[in-house]
C-alpha cells in the first residue's frame, strides 16, 4: 500500500512540474502580425521585462488591459 501511495505521489509531482511554464514567457512565438501585437518590444516575454510576472499580470504586462468583472 505504501508503494502505491509513494508512486502516485511521485507521479503527480513530476507530472505537475512538466506542465509548468515560466510566467510571462512566450514559449511558441506567433507568426505574422502576432509578435508585434503581443510582444511589442520583441524580448520574448509579454511582461514588461524578462523576469516574467512577479505579482500582478495586469500591471506588469507590456500591453495595457483591464480585466472583466
N, C-alpha and C. Protein backbone atom coordinates (compact mmCIF):
# COMPACT_ATOMS: atom_id res chain seq x y z
N UNK A 1 0.82 -1.19 0.00
CA UNK A 1 0.00 0.00 0.00
C UNK A 1 0.87 1.26 0.00
N UNK A 2 1.95 1.23 0.79
CA UNK A 2 2.85 2.37 0.85
C UNK A 2 3.48 2.66 -0.51
N UNK A 3 3.85 1.62 -1.23
CA UNK A 3 4.46 1.80 -2.56
C UNK A 3 3.49 2.45 -3.54
N UNK A 4 2.24 2.09 -3.46
CA UNK A 4 1.24 2.67 -4.35
C UNK A 4 1.07 4.16 -4.07
N UNK A 5 0.99 4.50 -2.79
CA UNK A 5 0.85 5.91 -2.41
C UNK A 5 2.10 6.69 -2.82
N UNK A 6 3.27 6.14 -2.59
CA UNK A 6 4.52 6.80 -2.96
C UNK A 6 4.60 6.98 -4.48
N UNK A 7 4.28 5.96 -5.22
CA UNK A 7 4.33 6.04 -6.68
C UNK A 7 3.31 7.05 -7.20
N UNK A 8 2.13 7.07 -6.63
CA UNK A 8 1.11 8.03 -7.05
C UNK A 8 1.54 9.47 -6.75
N UNK A 9 2.12 9.68 -5.59
CA UNK A 9 2.58 11.00 -5.20
C UNK A 9 3.71 11.47 -6.11
N UNK A 10 4.68 10.61 -6.37
CA UNK A 10 5.79 10.98 -7.25
C UNK A 10 5.29 11.27 -8.67
N UNK A 11 4.39 10.45 -9.16
CA UNK A 11 3.84 10.68 -10.49
C UNK A 11 3.14 12.03 -10.55
N UNK A 12 2.34 12.33 -9.55
CA UNK A 12 1.61 13.60 -9.53
C UNK A 12 2.57 14.78 -9.49
N UNK A 13 3.60 14.72 -8.65
CA UNK A 13 4.54 15.83 -8.53
C UNK A 13 5.35 16.03 -9.81
N UNK A 14 5.79 14.93 -10.41
CA UNK A 14 6.55 15.04 -11.64
C UNK A 14 5.68 15.53 -12.79
N UNK A 15 4.45 15.08 -12.82
CA UNK A 15 3.52 15.49 -13.88
C UNK A 15 3.24 16.99 -13.78
N UNK A 16 3.09 17.51 -12.59
CA UNK A 16 2.81 18.94 -12.42
C UNK A 16 4.00 19.78 -12.84
N UNK A 17 5.21 19.35 -12.53
CA UNK A 17 6.37 20.14 -12.89
C UNK A 17 6.62 20.13 -14.39
N UNK A 18 6.24 19.08 -15.07
CA UNK A 18 6.41 19.02 -16.52
C UNK A 18 5.48 20.00 -17.21
N UNK A 19 4.31 20.22 -16.66
CA UNK A 19 3.33 21.11 -17.27
C UNK A 19 3.53 22.58 -16.89
N UNK A 20 4.50 22.86 -16.05
CA UNK A 20 4.71 24.23 -15.59
C UNK A 20 5.30 25.09 -16.71
N UNK A 21 5.05 26.39 -16.64
CA UNK A 21 5.54 27.34 -17.63
C UNK A 21 6.03 28.58 -16.92
N UNK A 22 7.08 29.18 -17.43
CA UNK A 22 7.58 30.42 -16.86
C UNK A 22 6.55 31.52 -17.06
N UNK A 23 6.13 32.19 -16.00
CA UNK A 23 5.10 33.22 -16.15
C UNK A 23 5.55 34.37 -17.05
N UNK A 24 4.75 34.68 -18.04
CA UNK A 24 5.04 35.79 -18.93
C UNK A 24 5.91 35.45 -20.12
N UNK A 25 6.49 34.26 -20.16
CA UNK A 25 7.38 33.88 -21.25
C UNK A 25 6.59 33.35 -22.44
N UNK A 26 6.97 33.77 -23.63
CA UNK A 26 6.33 33.28 -24.84
C UNK A 26 7.06 32.01 -25.26
N UNK A 27 6.39 30.86 -25.16
CA UNK A 27 7.02 29.57 -25.45
C UNK A 27 7.08 29.32 -26.94
N UNK A 28 5.99 29.55 -27.63
CA UNK A 28 5.95 29.34 -29.07
C UNK A 28 5.52 30.65 -29.73
N UNK A 29 6.48 31.41 -30.25
CA UNK A 29 6.16 32.72 -30.81
C UNK A 29 5.15 32.63 -31.97
N UNK A 30 4.32 33.65 -32.06
CA UNK A 30 3.35 33.73 -33.16
C UNK A 30 4.06 34.18 -34.43
N UNK A 31 3.43 33.89 -35.55
CA UNK A 31 3.96 34.35 -36.82
C UNK A 31 3.01 35.39 -37.39
N UNK A 32 3.44 36.11 -38.39
CA UNK A 32 2.59 37.15 -38.99
C UNK A 32 2.59 38.40 -38.14
N UNK A 33 1.40 38.96 -37.91
CA UNK A 33 1.30 40.20 -37.13
C UNK A 33 1.26 39.95 -35.63
N UNK A 34 1.21 38.70 -35.19
CA UNK A 34 1.14 38.37 -33.77
C UNK A 34 2.27 38.89 -32.93
N UNK A 35 3.55 38.71 -33.35
CA UNK A 35 4.64 39.18 -32.50
C UNK A 35 4.59 40.66 -32.19
N UNK A 36 4.25 41.48 -33.17
CA UNK A 36 4.23 42.91 -32.91
C UNK A 36 3.07 43.32 -32.00
N UNK A 37 2.01 42.53 -31.98
CA UNK A 37 0.86 42.84 -31.14
C UNK A 37 1.07 42.37 -29.70
N UNK A 38 1.51 41.13 -29.53
CA UNK A 38 1.62 40.56 -28.19
C UNK A 38 2.98 40.75 -27.54
N UNK A 39 3.99 41.09 -28.31
CA UNK A 39 5.33 41.30 -27.77
C UNK A 39 5.95 42.55 -28.41
N UNK A 40 5.45 43.73 -28.03
CA UNK A 40 5.88 44.97 -28.69
C UNK A 40 7.38 45.24 -28.65
N UNK A 41 8.06 44.89 -27.56
CA UNK A 41 9.50 45.18 -27.50
C UNK A 41 10.36 44.02 -28.01
N UNK A 42 9.75 42.89 -28.40
CA UNK A 42 10.46 41.79 -29.04
C UNK A 42 11.41 41.02 -28.15
N UNK A 43 11.21 41.04 -26.84
CA UNK A 43 12.12 40.33 -25.93
C UNK A 43 11.70 38.89 -25.64
N UNK A 44 10.58 38.43 -26.20
CA UNK A 44 10.14 37.06 -25.96
C UNK A 44 9.25 36.90 -24.75
N UNK A 45 8.90 37.99 -24.10
CA UNK A 45 8.03 37.97 -22.93
C UNK A 45 6.86 38.93 -23.16
N UNK A 46 5.70 38.61 -22.61
CA UNK A 46 4.58 39.54 -22.66
C UNK A 46 4.58 40.45 -21.43
N UNK A 47 5.47 40.16 -20.49
CA UNK A 47 5.62 41.03 -19.32
C UNK A 47 6.56 42.18 -19.68
N UNK A 48 6.62 43.20 -18.83
CA UNK A 48 7.41 44.40 -19.12
C UNK A 48 8.91 44.13 -19.19
N UNK A 49 9.38 43.09 -18.50
CA UNK A 49 10.80 42.76 -18.56
C UNK A 49 10.96 41.24 -18.67
N UNK A 50 12.19 40.76 -18.67
CA UNK A 50 12.42 39.33 -18.83
C UNK A 50 12.34 38.54 -17.52
N UNK A 51 11.80 39.14 -16.48
CA UNK A 51 11.60 38.45 -15.21
C UNK A 51 10.24 37.77 -15.15
N UNK A 52 9.39 38.01 -16.14
CA UNK A 52 8.05 37.43 -16.12
C UNK A 52 7.15 38.21 -15.17
N UNK A 53 6.01 37.64 -14.87
CA UNK A 53 5.08 38.28 -13.95
C UNK A 53 5.45 37.92 -12.53
N UNK A 54 5.66 38.91 -11.70
CA UNK A 54 6.05 38.69 -10.31
C UNK A 54 4.82 38.67 -9.40
N UNK A 55 4.01 39.72 -9.47
CA UNK A 55 2.87 39.79 -8.55
C UNK A 55 1.54 40.01 -9.24
N UNK A 56 1.50 40.83 -10.29
CA UNK A 56 0.22 41.18 -10.90
C UNK A 56 0.38 41.24 -12.42
N UNK A 57 -0.25 40.33 -13.12
CA UNK A 57 -0.09 40.29 -14.58
C UNK A 57 -0.74 41.48 -15.27
N UNK A 58 -1.70 42.11 -14.64
CA UNK A 58 -2.37 43.25 -15.25
C UNK A 58 -1.46 44.49 -15.26
N UNK A 59 -0.78 44.75 -14.17
CA UNK A 59 0.07 45.94 -14.10
C UNK A 59 1.46 45.70 -14.68
N UNK A 60 1.89 44.44 -14.80
CA UNK A 60 3.24 44.13 -15.29
C UNK A 60 3.27 43.71 -16.75
N UNK A 61 2.16 43.84 -17.46
CA UNK A 61 2.07 43.44 -18.86
C UNK A 61 2.58 44.55 -19.77
N UNK A 62 3.17 44.16 -20.91
CA UNK A 62 3.57 45.14 -21.92
C UNK A 62 2.36 45.80 -22.55
N UNK A 63 1.27 45.09 -22.61
CA UNK A 63 0.05 45.55 -23.26
C UNK A 63 -0.92 46.03 -22.20
N UNK A 64 -1.36 47.27 -22.26
CA UNK A 64 -2.33 47.75 -21.26
C UNK A 64 -3.69 47.07 -21.46
N UNK A 65 -4.25 46.57 -20.40
CA UNK A 65 -5.57 45.94 -20.46
C UNK A 65 -6.26 46.06 -19.12
N UNK A 66 -7.55 45.85 -19.13
CA UNK A 66 -8.32 45.80 -17.90
C UNK A 66 -9.09 44.49 -17.87
N UNK A 67 -9.29 43.97 -16.70
CA UNK A 67 -10.00 42.69 -16.59
C UNK A 67 -11.50 42.93 -16.53
N UNK A 68 -12.21 41.93 -17.00
CA UNK A 68 -13.68 41.98 -16.93
C UNK A 68 -14.13 41.42 -15.61
N UNK A 69 -15.12 42.04 -15.03
CA UNK A 69 -15.65 41.54 -13.76
C UNK A 69 -17.06 41.10 -13.91
